[in-house]
Amino acid sequence: MTYIETYLASEGFIAYQHEQDNRSMRLVVNNGLFFEFIPFNSENFNVDGELVRKPKTLLINEVEEGEEYALLLSTCSGAWRYLIGDVIKFTSVAKAEIIITGRTKHYLSLCGEHLSVDNMNKAIEMVSDEFNIRINEFSVSGIKHGSLFAHKWYIGTDDPVSAEELKISLDEKLKILNDDYRVERKSALKEIFVEVVPLKVFLSYMEKNGKIGSQNKFPRVLKNHQFEDWEKFVKGVLV
């Protein structure tokens, strides 16, 4: 059976995998969708992933390969400059090919580390392979650490693993994947913490919030009151 990646939303058919050995997806630019691209950086988005007033927007002939953009859609059905919430990166401008790297709200940059969901997923996959474990869920939040900052990870797995060894490996993998993260780990991002919890904790939290089902996903980045609520729940379950 042959599988191909597709990028679909309520607003329309956005992109599809054009070549079997190439995981990038080609934008559908001739089917009633008009694309605009907002550079995903601190000039256009705040730390919570929300648009600033009057962000810079680019057309498809102005984008660059390797840069991350938030996607704006206008459609012949009536949607007008709709911020779909996904962050994409062009792998080929000439072919209009992209990959999805994350969500505007699921992004961590307390001090310039610019950690995307794509970085997180790849790092988790790498440590899973290294320790031969299955990590079904994970989430991370940025926290204050003294006068500076830290990341706190929650890893959901039912396989035995040392949280300390997992922390060291995860930190190293992220340094490999993200240059900004590596730089900030020597300055403002002073520490990372890892807590390993059973998978049922993640599932129970989703059930408590009425989010059970294939259409719901546990947020990869927890912020503000959501992180406080999660930590309170975990402590109550694990007591």
C-alpha atoms as a PDB file:
ATOM      1  CA  MET A   1       0.000   0.000   0.000  1.00  0.00           C
ATOM      2  CA  THR A   2       1.327   3.420  -0.964  1.00  0.00           C
ATOM      3  CA  TYR A   3       0.822   6.373   1.371  1.00  0.00           C
ATOM      4  CA  ILE A   4       1.237  10.048   0.488  1.00  0.00           C
ATOM      5  CA  GLU A   5       1.179  13.104   2.716  1.00  0.00           C
ATOM      6  CA  THR A   6      -1.722  15.506   2.212  1.00  0.00           C
ATOM      7  CA  TYR A   7      -2.422  18.897   3.770  1.00  0.00           C
ATOM      8  CA  LEU A   8      -6.157  19.448   4.120  1.00  0.00           C
ATOM      9  CA  ALA A   9      -8.239  21.912   6.110  1.00  0.00           C
ATOM     10  CA  SER A  10     -11.841  23.089   6.240  1.00  0.00           C
ATOM     11  CA  GLU A  11     -10.782  26.025   4.063  1.00  0.00           C
ATOM     12  CA  GLY A  12      -9.517  23.852   1.230  1.00  0.00           C
ATOM     13  CA  PHE A  13      -6.961  21.396  -0.145  1.00  0.00           C
ATOM     14  CA  ILE A  14      -3.667  23.149   0.624  1.00  0.00           C
ATOM     15  CA  ALA A  15      -0.856  20.811  -0.471  1.00  0.00           C
ATOM     16  CA  TYR A  16       0.051  17.222  -1.320  1.00  0.00           C
ATOM     17  CA  GLN A  17       3.120  15.018  -1.603  1.00  0.00           C
ATOM     18  CA  HIS A  18       4.153  15.101  -5.249  1.00  0.00           C
ATOM     19  CA  GLU A  19       7.007  12.557  -5.228  1.00  0.00           C
ATOM     20  CA  GLN A  20       7.091   9.242  -3.395  1.00  0.00           C
ATOM     21  CA  ASP A  21      10.652   9.640  -2.087  1.00  0.00           C
ATOM     22  CA  ASN A  22      10.227  13.301  -1.134  1.00  0.00           C
ATOM     23  CA  ARG A  23       8.283  14.033   2.064  1.00  0.00           C
ATOM     24  CA  SER A  24       7.733  17.676   1.109  1.00  0.00           C
ATOM     25  CA  MET A  25       4.287  18.727  -0.116  1.00  0.00           C
ATOM     26  CA  ARG A  26       3.497  20.902  -3.129  1.00  0.00           C
ATOM     27  CA  LEU A  27       1.158  23.847  -2.577  1.00  0.00           C
ATOM     28  CA  VAL A  28      -2.012  23.768  -4.673  1.00  0.00           C
ATOM     29  CA  VAL A  29      -1.910  27.263  -6.174  1.00  0.00           C
ATOM     30  CA  ASN A  30      -4.572  26.874  -8.882  1.00  0.00           C
ATOM     31  CA  ASN A  31      -7.636  25.696  -7.002  1.00  0.00           C
ATOM     32  CA  GLY A  32      -9.335  28.712  -5.424  1.00  0.00           C
ATOM     33  CA  LEU A  33      -6.807  29.419  -2.660  1.00  0.00           C
ATOM     34  CA  PHE A  34      -4.697  32.557  -2.395  1.00  0.00           C
ATOM     35  CA  PHE A  35      -1.657  32.243  -0.134  1.00  0.00           C
ATOM     36  CA  GLU A  36       0.184  34.858   1.875  1.00  0.00           C
ATOM     37  CA  PHE A  37       3.110  34.199   4.187  1.00  0.00           C
ATOM     38  CA  ILE A  38       4.063  35.943   7.429  1.00  0.00           C
ATOM     39  CA  PRO A  39       7.689  35.461   8.548  1.00  0.00           C
ATOM     40  CA  PHE A  40       7.454  33.602  11.834  1.00  0.00           C
ATOM     41  CA  ASN A  41       9.708  35.738  14.004  1.00  0.00           C
ATOM     42  CA  SER A  42       9.578  38.165  16.923  1.00  0.00           C
ATOM     43  CA  GLU A  43       8.852  41.066  14.601  1.00  0.00           C
ATOM     44  CA  ASN A  44       5.491  39.578  13.632  1.00  0.00           C
ATOM     45  CA  PHE A  45       4.521  37.375  16.598  1.00  0.00           C
ATOM     46  CA  ASN A  46       4.703  37.801  20.357  1.00  0.00           C
ATOM     47  CA  VAL A  47       5.948  35.126  22.784  1.00  0.00           C
ATOM     48  CA  ASP A  48       2.441  33.597  22.943  1.00  0.00           C
ATOM     49  CA  GLY A  49       2.333  33.102  19.171  1.00  0.00           C
ATOM     50  CA  GLU A  50      -0.132  35.925  18.567  1.00  0.00           C
ATOM     51  CA  LEU A  51       0.133  38.327  15.649  1.00  0.00           C
ATOM     52  CA  VAL A  52       1.390  41.836  16.277  1.00  0.00           C
ATOM     53  CA  ARG A  53      -0.437  44.729  14.703  1.00  0.00           C
ATOM     54  CA  LYS A  54       0.380  45.190  11.017  1.00  0.00           C
ATOM     55  CA  PRO A  55       2.674  42.173  10.506  1.00  0.00           C
ATOM     56  CA  LYS A  56       4.827  41.853   7.420  1.00  0.00           C
ATOM     57  CA  THR A  57       3.239  39.656   4.743  1.00  0.00           C
ATOM     58  CA  LEU A  58       4.889  38.143   1.671  1.00  0.00           C
ATOM     59  CA  LEU A  59       3.612  36.654  -1.567  1.00  0.00           C
ATOM     60  CA  ILE A  60       4.875  33.350  -2.899  1.00  0.00           C
ATOM     61  CA  ASN A  61       7.443  35.033  -5.155  1.00  0.00           C
ATOM     62  CA  GLU A  62       8.987  36.743  -2.116  1.00  0.00           C
ATOM     63  CA  VAL A  63       9.566  33.754   0.194  1.00  0.00           C
ATOM     64  CA  GLU A  64      12.916  32.060   0.839  1.00  0.00           C
ATOM     65  CA  GLU A  65      13.842  28.437   1.318  1.00  0.00           C
ATOM     66  CA  GLY A  66      14.596  27.354   4.863  1.00  0.00           C
ATOM     67  CA  GLU A  67      12.659  30.207   6.492  1.00  0.00           C
ATOM     68  CA  GLU A  68       9.535  29.629   8.580  1.00  0.00           C
ATOM     69  CA  TYR A  69       6.236  31.312   7.741  1.00  0.00           C
ATOM     70  CA  ALA A  70       2.746  31.425   9.193  1.00  0.00           C
ATOM     71  CA  LEU A  71       0.161  30.737   6.529  1.00  0.00           C
ATOM     72  CA  LEU A  72      -2.624  33.160   5.573  1.00  0.00           C
ATOM     73  CA  LEU A  73      -5.459  31.896   3.362  1.00  0.00           C
ATOM     74  CA  SER A  74      -8.022  33.717   1.250  1.00  0.00           C
ATOM     75  CA  THR A  75     -10.515  31.551  -0.609  1.00  0.00           C
ATOM     76  CA  CYS A  76     -13.153  31.847  -3.298  1.00  0.00           C
ATOM     77  CA  SER A  77     -15.616  30.628  -0.643  1.00  0.00           C
ATOM     78  CA  GLY A  78     -15.261  33.850   1.319  1.00  0.00           C
ATOM     79  CA  ALA A  79     -12.424  33.370   3.827  1.00  0.00           C
ATOM     80  CA  TRP A  80     -10.289  36.511   3.918  1.00  0.00           C
ATOM     81  CA  ARG A  81      -6.677  36.458   5.093  1.00  0.00           C
ATOM     82  CA  TYR A  82      -7.430  33.690   7.558  1.00  0.00           C
ATOM     83  CA  LEU A  83      -4.534  32.739   9.853  1.00  0.00           C
ATOM     84  CA  ILE A  84      -4.806  28.972   9.785  1.00  0.00           C
ATOM     85  CA  GLY A  85      -2.364  28.564  12.685  1.00  0.00           C
ATOM     86  CA  ASP A  86       0.236  26.377  10.962  1.00  0.00           C
ATOM     87  CA  VAL A  87       3.898  27.245  10.499  1.00  0.00           C
ATOM     88  CA  ILE A  88       5.507  26.003   7.290  1.00  0.00           C
ATOM     89  CA  LYS A  89       8.953  26.017   5.727  1.00  0.00           C
ATOM     90  CA  PHE A  90       9.771  26.009   2.021  1.00  0.00           C
ATOM     91  CA  THR A  91      12.023  23.151   0.970  1.00  0.00           C
ATOM     92  CA  SER A  92      11.850  24.270  -2.663  1.00  0.00           C
ATOM     93  CA  VAL A  93      10.623  27.673  -3.775  1.00  0.00           C
ATOM     94  CA  ALA A  94      10.865  26.702  -7.449  1.00  0.00           C
ATOM     95  CA  LYS A  95       8.480  23.751  -6.905  1.00  0.00           C
ATOM     96  CA  ALA A  96       6.405  25.525  -4.216  1.00  0.00           C
ATOM     97  CA  GLU A  97       7.155  22.611  -1.882  1.00  0.00           C
ATOM     98  CA  ILE A  98       6.772  22.888   1.880  1.00  0.00           C
ATOM     99  CA  ILE A  99       6.886  20.991   5.149  1.00  0.00           C
ATOM    100  CA  ILE A 100       4.821  21.783   8.244  1.00  0.00           C
ATOM    101  CA  THR A 101       7.106  22.660  11.163  1.00  0.00           C
ATOM    102  CA  GLY A 102       4.567  23.468  13.867  1.00  0.00           C
ATOM    103  CA  ARG A 103       1.825  25.764  15.074  1.00  0.00           C
ATOM    104  CA  THR A 104       2.016  29.469  15.853  1.00  0.00           C
ATOM    105  CA  LYS A 105       0.867  28.809  19.430  1.00  0.00           C
ATOM    106  CA  HIS A 106       2.974  25.656  19.892  1.00  0.00           C
ATOM    107  CA  TYR A 107       6.351  27.306  19.798  1.00  0.00           C
ATOM    108  CA  LEU A 108       8.812  28.012  22.570  1.00  0.00           C
ATOM    109  CA  SER A 109      11.081  31.035  22.589  1.00  0.00           C
ATOM    110  CA  LEU A 110      11.588  32.559  26.032  1.00  0.00           C
ATOM    111  CA  CYS A 111      14.991  33.999  25.272  1.00  0.00           C
ATOM    112  CA  GLY A 112      15.609  33.441  21.568  1.00  0.00           C
ATOM    113  CA  GLU A 113      15.864  29.632  21.495  1.00  0.00           C
ATOM    114  CA  HIS A 114      13.178  29.433  18.762  1.00  0.00           C
ATOM    115  CA  LEU A 115      12.197  25.854  19.501  1.00  0.00           C
ATOM    116  CA  SER A 116       9.582  24.572  17.048  1.00  0.00           C
ATOM    117  CA  VAL A 117       7.334  21.524  17.287  1.00  0.00           C
ATOM    118  CA  ASP A 118       9.339  20.076  14.416  1.00  0.00           C
ATOM    119  CA  ASN A 119      12.508  20.302  16.555  1.00  0.00           C
ATOM    120  CA  MET A 120      10.689  18.709  19.478  1.00  0.00           C
ATOM    121  CA  ASN A 121       9.253  15.829  17.446  1.00  0.00           C
ATOM    122  CA  LYS A 122      12.612  15.016  15.887  1.00  0.00           C
ATOM    123  CA  ALA A 123      14.427  15.144  19.228  1.00  0.00           C
ATOM    124  CA  ILE A 124      11.836  12.868  20.853  1.00  0.00           C
ATOM    125  CA  GLU A 125      12.126  10.432  17.946  1.00  0.00           C
ATOM    126  CA  MET A 126      15.917  10.388  18.325  1.00  0.00           C
ATOM    127  CA  VAL A 127      15.888   9.711  22.071  1.00  0.00           C
ATOM    128  CA  SER A 128      13.179   7.068  21.607  1.00  0.00           C
ATOM    129  CA  ASP A 129      15.479   5.230  19.220  1.00  0.00           C
ATOM    130  CA  GLU A 130      18.505   5.694  21.476  1.00  0.00           C
ATOM    131  CA  PHE A 131      16.820   4.245  24.577  1.00  0.00           C
ATOM    132  CA  ASN A 132      14.632   1.796  22.640  1.00  0.00           C
ATOM    133  CA  ILE A 133      11.478   3.100  24.258  1.00  0.00           C
ATOM    134  CA  ARG A 134       8.126   4.299  22.964  1.00  0.00           C
ATOM    135  CA  ILE A 135       7.223   7.871  23.855  1.00  0.00           C
ATOM    136  CA  ASN A 136       3.519   8.235  23.149  1.00  0.00           C
ATOM    137  CA  GLU A 137       3.068  11.779  24.429  1.00  0.00           C
ATOM    138  CA  PHE A 138       5.139  14.734  25.555  1.00  0.00           C
ATOM    139  CA  SER A 139       4.782  18.384  26.372  1.00  0.00           C
ATOM    140  CA  VAL A 140       7.094  21.217  27.395  1.00  0.00           C
ATOM    141  CA  SER A 141       6.770  24.611  29.000  1.00  0.00           C
ATOM    142  CA  GLY A 142       9.076  27.557  29.538  1.00  0.00           C
ATOM    143  CA  ILE A 143       9.537  28.555  33.178  1.00  0.00           C
ATOM    144  CA  LYS A 144      11.492  31.053  35.232  1.00  0.00           C
ATOM    145  CA  HIS A 145      14.694  29.685  36.734  1.00  0.00           C
ATOM    146  CA  GLY A 146      16.119  32.170  39.182  1.00  0.00           C
ATOM    147  CA  SER A 147      16.626  35.359  37.218  1.00  0.00           C
ATOM    148  CA  LEU A 148      16.812  33.406  33.950  1.00  0.00           C
ATOM    149  CA  PHE A 149      14.850  30.623  32.214  1.00  0.00           C
ATOM    150  CA  ALA A 150      14.431  26.862  31.898  1.00  0.00           C
ATOM    151  CA  HIS A 151      12.346  24.324  29.988  1.00  0.00           C
ATOM    152  CA  LYS A 152      10.304  21.718  31.805  1.00  0.00           C
ATOM    153  CA  TRP A 153       9.435  18.570  29.869  1.00  0.00           C
ATOM    154  CA  TYR A 154       6.823  15.944  30.657  1.00  0.00           C
ATOM    155  CA  ILE A 155       7.459  12.663  28.842  1.00  0.00           C
ATOM    156  CA  GLY A 156       4.681  10.085  28.593  1.00  0.00           C
ATOM    157  CA  THR A 157       5.924   6.506  28.347  1.00  0.00           C
ATOM    158  CA  ASP A 158       5.190   3.192  30.026  1.00  0.00           C
ATOM    159  CA  ASP A 159       8.691   1.870  29.318  1.00  0.00           C
ATOM    160  CA  PRO A 160      11.341   2.022  32.067  1.00  0.00           C
ATOM    161  CA  VAL A 161      13.856   4.837  31.545  1.00  0.00           C
ATOM    162  CA  SER A 162      15.995   7.134  33.681  1.00  0.00           C
ATOM    163  CA  ALA A 163      14.632  10.675  33.664  1.00  0.00           C
ATOM    164  CA  GLU A 164      18.141  12.060  34.191  1.00  0.00           C
ATOM    165  CA  GLU A 165      19.627  10.118  31.273  1.00  0.00           C
ATOM    166  CA  LEU A 166      16.660  11.099  29.127  1.00  0.00           C
ATOM    167  CA  LYS A 167      17.180  14.746  30.030  1.00  0.00           C
ATOM    168  CA  ILE A 168      20.863  14.700  29.054  1.00  0.00           C
ATOM    169  CA  SER A 169      20.159  12.991  25.746  1.00  0.00           C
ATOM    170  CA  LEU A 170      17.191  15.211  24.886  1.00  0.00           C
ATOM    171  CA  ASP A 171      19.214  18.342  25.601  1.00  0.00           C
ATOM    172  CA  GLU A 172      22.028  17.171  23.329  1.00  0.00           C
ATOM    173  CA  LYS A 173      19.671  16.270  20.507  1.00  0.00           C
ATOM    174  CA  LEU A 174      18.028  19.695  20.625  1.00  0.00           C
ATOM    175  CA  LYS A 175      21.441  21.367  20.494  1.00  0.00           C
ATOM    176  CA  ILE A 176      22.177  19.413  17.319  1.00  0.00           C
ATOM    177  CA  LEU A 177      18.838  20.252  15.717  1.00  0.00           C
ATOM    178  CA  ASN A 178      18.624  23.931  16.652  1.00  0.00           C
ATOM    179  CA  ASP A 179      21.568  26.359  16.631  1.00  0.00           C
ATOM    180  CA  ASP A 180      19.633  29.038  18.519  1.00  0.00           C
ATOM    181  CA  TYR A 181      18.824  26.559  21.267  1.00  0.00           C
ATOM    182  CA  ARG A 182      22.478  25.557  21.554  1.00  0.00           C
ATOM    183  CA  VAL A 183      23.548  29.187  21.911  1.00  0.00           C
ATOM    184  CA  GLU A 184      20.916  29.995  24.534  1.00  0.00           C
ATOM    185  CA  ARG A 185      21.813  26.919  26.604  1.00  0.00           C
ATOM    186  CA  LYS A 186      25.102  28.705  27.272  1.00  0.00           C
ATOM    187  CA  SER A 187      23.411  31.912  28.373  1.00  0.00           C
ATOM    188  CA  ALA A 188      19.791  32.655  29.334  1.00  0.00           C
ATOM    189  CA  LEU A 189      18.354  29.124  29.076  1.00  0.00           C
ATOM    190  CA  LYS A 190      20.114  27.749  32.148  1.00  0.00           C
ATOM    191  CA  GLU A 191      18.485  24.382  32.637  1.00  0.00           C
ATOM    192  CA  ILE A 192      16.016  21.812  31.394  1.00  0.00           C
ATOM    193  CA  PHE A 193      13.979  19.499  33.595  1.00  0.00           C
ATOM    194  CA  VAL A 194      12.425  16.191  32.563  1.00  0.00           C
ATOM    195  CA  GLU A 195       9.675  14.321  34.379  1.00  0.00           C
ATOM    196  CA  VAL A 196       8.632  10.891  33.105  1.00  0.00           C
ATOM    197  CA  VAL A 197       4.988   9.975  33.719  1.00  0.00           C
ATOM    198  CA  PRO A 198       2.780   7.042  32.656  1.00  0.00           C
ATOM    199  CA  LEU A 199       0.837   7.540  29.435  1.00  0.00           C
ATOM    200  CA  LYS A 200      -2.459   7.257  31.339  1.00  0.00           C
ATOM    201  CA  VAL A 201      -1.726  10.616  32.987  1.00  0.00           C
ATOM    202  CA  PHE A 202      -1.874  12.380  29.612  1.00  0.00           C
ATOM    203  CA  LEU A 203      -5.009  10.473  28.610  1.00  0.00           C
ATOM    204  CA  SER A 204      -6.730  11.184  31.930  1.00  0.00           C
ATOM    205  CA  TYR A 205      -6.005  14.899  31.601  1.00  0.00           C
ATOM    206  CA  MET A 206      -7.511  14.962  28.112  1.00  0.00           C
ATOM    207  CA  GLU A 207     -10.568  13.091  29.380  1.00  0.00           C
ATOM    208  CA  LYS A 208     -10.966  15.552  32.267  1.00  0.00           C
ATOM    209  CA  ASN A 209     -11.100  18.390  29.766  1.00  0.00           C
ATOM    210  CA  GLY A 210     -13.478  16.633  27.382  1.00  0.00           C
ATOM    211  CA  LYS A 211     -10.810  16.209  24.706  1.00  0.00           C
ATOM    212  CA  ILE A 212     -10.848  12.457  24.135  1.00  0.00           C
ATOM    213  CA  GLY A 213     -10.990  11.461  20.474  1.00  0.00           C
ATOM    214  CA  SER A 214      -8.923  11.356  17.315  1.00  0.00           C
ATOM    215  CA  GLN A 215      -9.650  15.014  16.538  1.00  0.00           C
ATOM    216  CA  ASN A 216      -7.940  16.164  19.740  1.00  0.00           C
ATOM    217  CA  LYS A 217      -4.208  16.312  20.433  1.00  0.00           C
ATOM    218  CA  PHE A 218      -2.328  17.021  23.611  1.00  0.00           C
ATOM    219  CA  PRO A 219      -0.646  20.446  23.251  1.00  0.00           C
ATOM    220  CA  ARG A 220       3.084  20.135  22.717  1.00  0.00           C
ATOM    221  CA  VAL A 221       3.694  23.514  24.371  1.00  0.00           C
ATOM    222  CA  LEU A 222       1.873  24.461  27.563  1.00  0.00           C
ATOM    223  CA  LYS A 223       1.736  28.110  28.560  1.00  0.00           C
ATOM    224  CA  ASN A 224       0.514  30.205  31.494  1.00  0.00           C
ATOM    225  CA  HIS A 225      -2.639  28.906  33.242  1.00  0.00           C
ATOM    226  CA  GLN A 226      -2.748  25.768  31.086  1.00  0.00           C
ATOM    227  CA  PHE A 227       0.665  24.697  32.397  1.00  0.00           C
ATOM    228  CA  GLU A 228      -0.360  25.490  35.975  1.00  0.00           C
ATOM    229  CA  ASP A 229      -3.510  23.397  35.572  1.00  0.00           C
ATOM    230  CA  TRP A 230      -1.503  20.505  34.080  1.00  0.00           C
ATOM    231  CA  GLU A 231       1.086  20.523  36.884  1.00  0.00           C
ATOM    232  CA  LYS A 232      -1.652  20.569  39.523  1.00  0.00           C
ATOM    233  CA  PHE A 233      -3.361  17.636  37.796  1.00  0.00           C
ATOM    234  CA  VAL A 234      -0.134  15.595  37.543  1.00  0.00           C
ATOM    235  CA  LYS A 235       0.683  16.106  41.206  1.00  0.00           C
ATOM    236  CA  GLY A 236      -2.829  15.024  42.189  1.00  0.00           C
ATOM    237  CA  VAL A 237      -2.705  11.877  40.041  1.00  0.00           C
ATOM    238  CA  LEU A 238       0.786  10.776  41.103  1.00  0.00           C
ATOM    239  CA  VAL A 239       0.284  11.298  44.845  1.00  0.00           C
END
